[in-house]
Amino acid sequence: MKLFSENIEDLRTLYIANLKKALDMEQKITKALPTMIEKSTDPQLATAFRNHLTETQGHVAKVESILRTATGDASTSTCKAISALVTEAEDNIKDATDLSIRDITLIASAQQVEHHEIAVYGTLRTWAELLGDEESANVLDSILDEEKNADELLSTISDSVNTTGVIAQNAYTGTTV
């Protein structure tokens, strides 16, 4: 149950409230990525997660900067969506005992997070533009581009990881395609 209301009374208030959630989102992703790196068996996937961790740390700094400029501080507000996605990813990692299936699960979980981030940053960029804050809009657009690139890279990696995983599963179960 929520104890305090955000009192969303205008676009600026909505924008700030969602920037605070975006900061929380990036901080949670920064904490989740090391486990994803550790659990990856595909070297290309692990490298992609390592690189995205560095990018995500940069996103934290960029969103903090936008918030400090807009409000004077960089406090967060809980992003319930990312909390649920991270919990789901952790559960899926535990449930996937076969290593090839775990890599497939890691990609699927990561792409769900990327798609959420793409939606968040596309919205925040548009709101910054509407509020006349072109500098923040440009920063948010650069984050959006990095999220889209991460998603595209995961799609590329999934082509080989999914194929390898299915072949390995079929060999294990004796199934033919």
C-alpha atoms as a PDB file:
ATOM      1  CA  MET A   1       0.000   0.000   0.000  1.00  0.00           C
ATOM      2  CA  LYS A   2       1.306   3.414  -0.939  1.00  0.00           C
ATOM      3  CA  LEU A   3       1.579   5.783   2.003  1.00  0.00           C
ATOM      4  CA  PHE A   4       2.196   8.995   0.124  1.00  0.00           C
ATOM      5  CA  SER A   5       0.816  10.175  -3.178  1.00  0.00           C
ATOM      6  CA  GLU A   6       3.069  11.695  -5.822  1.00  0.00           C
ATOM      7  CA  ASN A   7       0.450  14.431  -6.371  1.00  0.00           C
ATOM      8  CA  ILE A   8       0.861  14.394 -10.126  1.00  0.00           C
ATOM      9  CA  GLU A   9      -0.598  17.745 -11.075  1.00  0.00           C
ATOM     10  CA  ASP A  10       1.169  18.537 -14.323  1.00  0.00           C
ATOM     11  CA  LEU A  11       3.538  17.111 -16.934  1.00  0.00           C
ATOM     12  CA  ARG A  12       6.645  18.325 -15.096  1.00  0.00           C
ATOM     13  CA  THR A  13       5.611  16.536 -11.911  1.00  0.00           C
ATOM     14  CA  LEU A  14       4.863  13.383 -13.908  1.00  0.00           C
ATOM     15  CA  TYR A  15       8.227  13.682 -15.665  1.00  0.00           C
ATOM     16  CA  ILE A  16      10.154  14.058 -12.383  1.00  0.00           C
ATOM     17  CA  ALA A  17       8.264  11.173 -10.763  1.00  0.00           C
ATOM     18  CA  ASN A  18       9.181   8.930 -13.697  1.00  0.00           C
ATOM     19  CA  LEU A  19      12.804  10.089 -13.749  1.00  0.00           C
ATOM     20  CA  LYS A  20      13.018   8.954 -10.111  1.00  0.00           C
ATOM     21  CA  LYS A  21      11.630   5.556 -11.137  1.00  0.00           C
ATOM     22  CA  ALA A  22      14.090   5.403 -14.045  1.00  0.00           C
ATOM     23  CA  LEU A  23      16.970   5.996 -11.633  1.00  0.00           C
ATOM     24  CA  ASP A  24      15.715   3.193  -9.384  1.00  0.00           C
ATOM     25  CA  MET A  25      15.349   0.992 -12.475  1.00  0.00           C
ATOM     26  CA  GLU A  26      18.963   1.580 -13.556  1.00  0.00           C
ATOM     27  CA  GLN A  27      20.293   1.015 -10.041  1.00  0.00           C
ATOM     28  CA  LYS A  28      18.457  -2.316  -9.811  1.00  0.00           C
ATOM     29  CA  ILE A  29      19.732  -3.376 -13.228  1.00  0.00           C
ATOM     30  CA  THR A  30      23.277  -2.485 -12.155  1.00  0.00           C
ATOM     31  CA  LYS A  31      22.861  -4.861  -9.214  1.00  0.00           C
ATOM     32  CA  ALA A  32      21.317  -7.652 -11.337  1.00  0.00           C
ATOM     33  CA  LEU A  33      23.792  -7.683 -14.230  1.00  0.00           C
ATOM     34  CA  PRO A  34      26.774  -9.185 -12.333  1.00  0.00           C
ATOM     35  CA  THR A  35      24.693 -12.306 -11.623  1.00  0.00           C
ATOM     36  CA  MET A  36      23.676 -12.493 -15.271  1.00  0.00           C
ATOM     37  CA  ILE A  37      27.332 -12.223 -16.286  1.00  0.00           C
ATOM     38  CA  GLU A  38      28.283 -14.960 -13.828  1.00  0.00           C
ATOM     39  CA  LYS A  39      25.501 -17.299 -14.954  1.00  0.00           C
ATOM     40  CA  SER A  40      26.177 -16.870 -18.704  1.00  0.00           C
ATOM     41  CA  THR A  41      28.000 -19.739 -20.357  1.00  0.00           C
ATOM     42  CA  ASP A  42      28.082 -18.202 -23.839  1.00  0.00           C
ATOM     43  CA  PRO A  43      31.172 -15.934 -24.029  1.00  0.00           C
ATOM     44  CA  GLN A  44      29.495 -13.479 -26.407  1.00  0.00           C
ATOM     45  CA  LEU A  45      26.508 -13.169 -24.049  1.00  0.00           C
ATOM     46  CA  ALA A  46      28.727 -12.613 -21.014  1.00  0.00           C
ATOM     47  CA  THR A  47      30.651  -9.914 -22.895  1.00  0.00           C
ATOM     48  CA  ALA A  48      27.410  -8.223 -23.939  1.00  0.00           C
ATOM     49  CA  PHE A  49      26.253  -8.188 -20.311  1.00  0.00           C
ATOM     50  CA  ARG A  50      29.635  -6.816 -19.146  1.00  0.00           C
ATOM     51  CA  ASN A  51      29.483  -4.022 -21.706  1.00  0.00           C
ATOM     52  CA  HIS A  52      25.897  -3.236 -20.828  1.00  0.00           C
ATOM     53  CA  LEU A  53      26.801  -3.069 -17.135  1.00  0.00           C
ATOM     54  CA  THR A  54      29.269  -0.293 -17.973  1.00  0.00           C
ATOM     55  CA  GLU A  55      26.602   1.478 -20.037  1.00  0.00           C
ATOM     56  CA  THR A  56      24.053   1.059 -17.248  1.00  0.00           C
ATOM     57  CA  GLN A  57      26.424   2.603 -14.717  1.00  0.00           C
ATOM     58  CA  GLY A  58      26.647   5.554 -17.109  1.00  0.00           C
ATOM     59  CA  HIS A  59      22.843   5.678 -17.302  1.00  0.00           C
ATOM     60  CA  VAL A  60      22.699   5.945 -13.512  1.00  0.00           C
ATOM     61  CA  ALA A  61      25.048   8.944 -13.614  1.00  0.00           C
ATOM     62  CA  LYS A  62      23.127  10.596 -16.472  1.00  0.00           C
ATOM     63  CA  VAL A  63      19.706  10.206 -14.850  1.00  0.00           C
ATOM     64  CA  GLU A  64      21.120  11.398 -11.511  1.00  0.00           C
ATOM     65  CA  SER A  65      22.468  14.488 -13.278  1.00  0.00           C
ATOM     66  CA  ILE A  66      19.136  15.224 -14.959  1.00  0.00           C
ATOM     67  CA  LEU A  67      17.338  14.859 -11.622  1.00  0.00           C
ATOM     68  CA  ARG A  68      19.824  17.074  -9.775  1.00  0.00           C
ATOM     69  CA  THR A  69      19.450  19.756 -12.427  1.00  0.00           C
ATOM     70  CA  ALA A  70      15.657  19.528 -12.329  1.00  0.00           C
ATOM     71  CA  THR A  71      15.084  19.154  -8.582  1.00  0.00           C
ATOM     72  CA  GLY A  72      18.317  19.726  -6.688  1.00  0.00           C
ATOM     73  CA  ASP A  73      18.632  16.084  -5.612  1.00  0.00           C
ATOM     74  CA  ALA A  74      18.720  12.607  -7.085  1.00  0.00           C
ATOM     75  CA  SER A  75      16.304  10.651  -4.938  1.00  0.00           C
ATOM     76  CA  THR A  76      14.561   7.590  -6.310  1.00  0.00           C
ATOM     77  CA  SER A  77      11.064   6.205  -6.336  1.00  0.00           C
ATOM     78  CA  THR A  78      10.474   2.468  -6.586  1.00  0.00           C
ATOM     79  CA  CYS A  79      10.067   1.140 -10.101  1.00  0.00           C
ATOM     80  CA  LYS A  80       7.672  -1.747  -9.516  1.00  0.00           C
ATOM     81  CA  ALA A  81       7.920  -2.961 -13.106  1.00  0.00           C
ATOM     82  CA  ILE A  82      11.679  -3.512 -12.978  1.00  0.00           C
ATOM     83  CA  SER A  83      11.399  -5.112  -9.540  1.00  0.00           C
ATOM     84  CA  ALA A  84       9.000  -7.665 -11.014  1.00  0.00           C
ATOM     85  CA  LEU A  85      11.152  -8.259 -14.101  1.00  0.00           C
ATOM     86  CA  VAL A  86      14.301  -8.765 -11.998  1.00  0.00           C
ATOM     87  CA  THR A  87      12.472 -11.165  -9.669  1.00  0.00           C
ATOM     88  CA  GLU A  88      11.150 -13.096 -12.660  1.00  0.00           C
ATOM     89  CA  ALA A  89      14.652 -13.266 -14.164  1.00  0.00           C
ATOM     90  CA  GLU A  90      16.136 -14.533 -10.893  1.00  0.00           C
ATOM     91  CA  ASP A  91      13.464 -17.233 -10.682  1.00  0.00           C
ATOM     92  CA  ASN A  92      14.046 -18.272 -14.290  1.00  0.00           C
ATOM     93  CA  ILE A  93      17.809 -18.487 -13.769  1.00  0.00           C
ATOM     94  CA  LYS A  94      17.286 -20.786 -10.758  1.00  0.00           C
ATOM     95  CA  ASP A  95      14.764 -22.928 -12.632  1.00  0.00           C
ATOM     96  CA  ALA A  96      16.917 -23.429 -15.752  1.00  0.00           C
ATOM     97  CA  THR A  97      19.240 -26.240 -14.728  1.00  0.00           C
ATOM     98  CA  ASP A  98      20.454 -26.999 -18.272  1.00  0.00           C
ATOM     99  CA  LEU A  99      23.211 -24.500 -19.121  1.00  0.00           C
ATOM    100  CA  SER A 100      22.124 -23.946 -22.732  1.00  0.00           C
ATOM    101  CA  ILE A 101      18.558 -23.306 -21.597  1.00  0.00           C
ATOM    102  CA  ARG A 102      19.834 -20.947 -18.915  1.00  0.00           C
ATOM    103  CA  ASP A 103      21.535 -18.792 -21.566  1.00  0.00           C
ATOM    104  CA  ILE A 104      18.273 -18.711 -23.517  1.00  0.00           C
ATOM    105  CA  THR A 105      16.476 -17.687 -20.325  1.00  0.00           C
ATOM    106  CA  LEU A 106      19.053 -14.990 -19.614  1.00  0.00           C
ATOM    107  CA  ILE A 107      18.544 -13.490 -23.062  1.00  0.00           C
ATOM    108  CA  ALA A 108      14.758 -13.586 -22.750  1.00  0.00           C
ATOM    109  CA  SER A 109      14.882 -11.927 -19.334  1.00  0.00           C
ATOM    110  CA  ALA A 110      17.352  -9.296 -20.495  1.00  0.00           C
ATOM    111  CA  GLN A 111      15.236  -8.465 -23.536  1.00  0.00           C
ATOM    112  CA  GLN A 112      12.149  -8.030 -21.376  1.00  0.00           C
ATOM    113  CA  VAL A 113      14.120  -5.506 -19.313  1.00  0.00           C
ATOM    114  CA  GLU A 114      15.436  -3.785 -22.451  1.00  0.00           C
ATOM    115  CA  HIS A 115      11.931  -3.443 -23.870  1.00  0.00           C
ATOM    116  CA  HIS A 116      10.757  -1.831 -20.633  1.00  0.00           C
ATOM    117  CA  GLU A 117      13.722   0.540 -20.679  1.00  0.00           C
ATOM    118  CA  ILE A 118      13.050   1.457 -24.314  1.00  0.00           C
ATOM    119  CA  ALA A 119       9.469   2.369 -23.399  1.00  0.00           C
ATOM    120  CA  VAL A 120      10.587   4.377 -20.357  1.00  0.00           C
ATOM    121  CA  TYR A 121      13.298   6.364 -22.142  1.00  0.00           C
ATOM    122  CA  GLY A 122      11.194   7.007 -25.223  1.00  0.00           C
ATOM    123  CA  THR A 123       8.491   8.462 -23.001  1.00  0.00           C
ATOM    124  CA  LEU A 124      10.899  10.500 -20.858  1.00  0.00           C
ATOM    125  CA  ARG A 125      12.626  11.917 -23.940  1.00  0.00           C
ATOM    126  CA  THR A 126       9.288  13.010 -25.400  1.00  0.00           C
ATOM    127  CA  TRP A 127       8.244  14.625 -22.129  1.00  0.00           C
ATOM    128  CA  ALA A 128      11.576  16.458 -21.850  1.00  0.00           C
ATOM    129  CA  GLU A 129      11.032  17.796 -25.382  1.00  0.00           C
ATOM    130  CA  LEU A 130       7.482  18.899 -24.520  1.00  0.00           C
ATOM    131  CA  LEU A 131       8.817  20.658 -21.426  1.00  0.00           C
ATOM    132  CA  GLY A 132      11.407  22.478 -23.545  1.00  0.00           C
ATOM    133  CA  ASP A 133      14.390  20.746 -21.937  1.00  0.00           C
ATOM    134  CA  GLU A 134      16.363  19.888 -25.071  1.00  0.00           C
ATOM    135  CA  GLU A 135      19.564  19.102 -23.179  1.00  0.00           C
ATOM    136  CA  SER A 136      17.854  16.414 -21.080  1.00  0.00           C
ATOM    137  CA  ALA A 137      15.954  15.191 -24.143  1.00  0.00           C
ATOM    138  CA  ASN A 138      19.279  14.660 -25.923  1.00  0.00           C
ATOM    139  CA  VAL A 139      20.740  12.759 -22.961  1.00  0.00           C
ATOM    140  CA  LEU A 140      17.611  10.606 -22.686  1.00  0.00           C
ATOM    141  CA  ASP A 141      17.724   9.974 -26.433  1.00  0.00           C
ATOM    142  CA  SER A 142      21.330   8.780 -26.151  1.00  0.00           C
ATOM    143  CA  ILE A 143      20.311   6.361 -23.377  1.00  0.00           C
ATOM    144  CA  LEU A 144      17.390   5.210 -25.534  1.00  0.00           C
ATOM    145  CA  ASP A 145      19.784   4.495 -28.411  1.00  0.00           C
ATOM    146  CA  GLU A 146      22.036   2.420 -26.140  1.00  0.00           C
ATOM    147  CA  GLU A 147      19.037   0.417 -24.905  1.00  0.00           C
ATOM    148  CA  LYS A 148      17.891  -0.238 -28.483  1.00  0.00           C
ATOM    149  CA  ASN A 149      21.424  -1.316 -29.437  1.00  0.00           C
ATOM    150  CA  ALA A 150      21.593  -3.670 -26.441  1.00  0.00           C
ATOM    151  CA  ASP A 151      18.289  -5.225 -27.460  1.00  0.00           C
ATOM    152  CA  GLU A 152      19.469  -5.681 -31.059  1.00  0.00           C
ATOM    153  CA  LEU A 153      22.704  -7.291 -29.869  1.00  0.00           C
ATOM    154  CA  LEU A 154      20.756  -9.682 -27.651  1.00  0.00           C
ATOM    155  CA  SER A 155      18.599 -10.619 -30.655  1.00  0.00           C
ATOM    156  CA  THR A 156      21.718 -11.363 -32.678  1.00  0.00           C
ATOM    157  CA  ILE A 157      23.251 -13.441 -29.891  1.00  0.00           C
ATOM    158  CA  SER A 158      19.974 -15.279 -29.365  1.00  0.00           C
ATOM    159  CA  ASP A 159      20.060 -16.564 -32.941  1.00  0.00           C
ATOM    160  CA  SER A 160      23.106 -18.705 -32.163  1.00  0.00           C
ATOM    161  CA  VAL A 161      22.354 -19.412 -28.487  1.00  0.00           C
ATOM    162  CA  ASN A 162      18.771 -20.507 -29.181  1.00  0.00           C
ATOM    163  CA  THR A 163      19.863 -22.774 -32.021  1.00  0.00           C
ATOM    164  CA  THR A 164      22.643 -24.303 -29.908  1.00  0.00           C
ATOM    165  CA  GLY A 165      20.254 -24.763 -26.989  1.00  0.00           C
ATOM    166  CA  VAL A 166      17.592 -26.472 -29.083  1.00  0.00           C
ATOM    167  CA  ILE A 167      20.156 -28.793 -30.691  1.00  0.00           C
ATOM    168  CA  ALA A 168      21.571 -29.659 -27.266  1.00  0.00           C
ATOM    169  CA  GLN A 169      18.079 -30.300 -25.868  1.00  0.00           C
ATOM    170  CA  ASN A 170      17.126 -32.441 -28.829  1.00  0.00           C
ATOM    171  CA  ALA A 171      20.314 -34.491 -28.475  1.00  0.00           C
ATOM    172  CA  TYR A 172      19.600 -34.957 -24.766  1.00  0.00           C
ATOM    173  CA  THR A 173      15.979 -36.017 -25.277  1.00  0.00           C
ATOM    174  CA  GLY A 174      16.514 -37.864 -28.557  1.00  0.00           C
ATOM    175  CA  THR A 175      14.092 -35.551 -30.382  1.00  0.00           C
ATOM    176  CA  THR A 176      14.601 -34.737 -34.035  1.00  0.00           C
ATOM    177  CA  VAL A 177      13.499 -31.573 -35.724  1.00  0.00           C
END
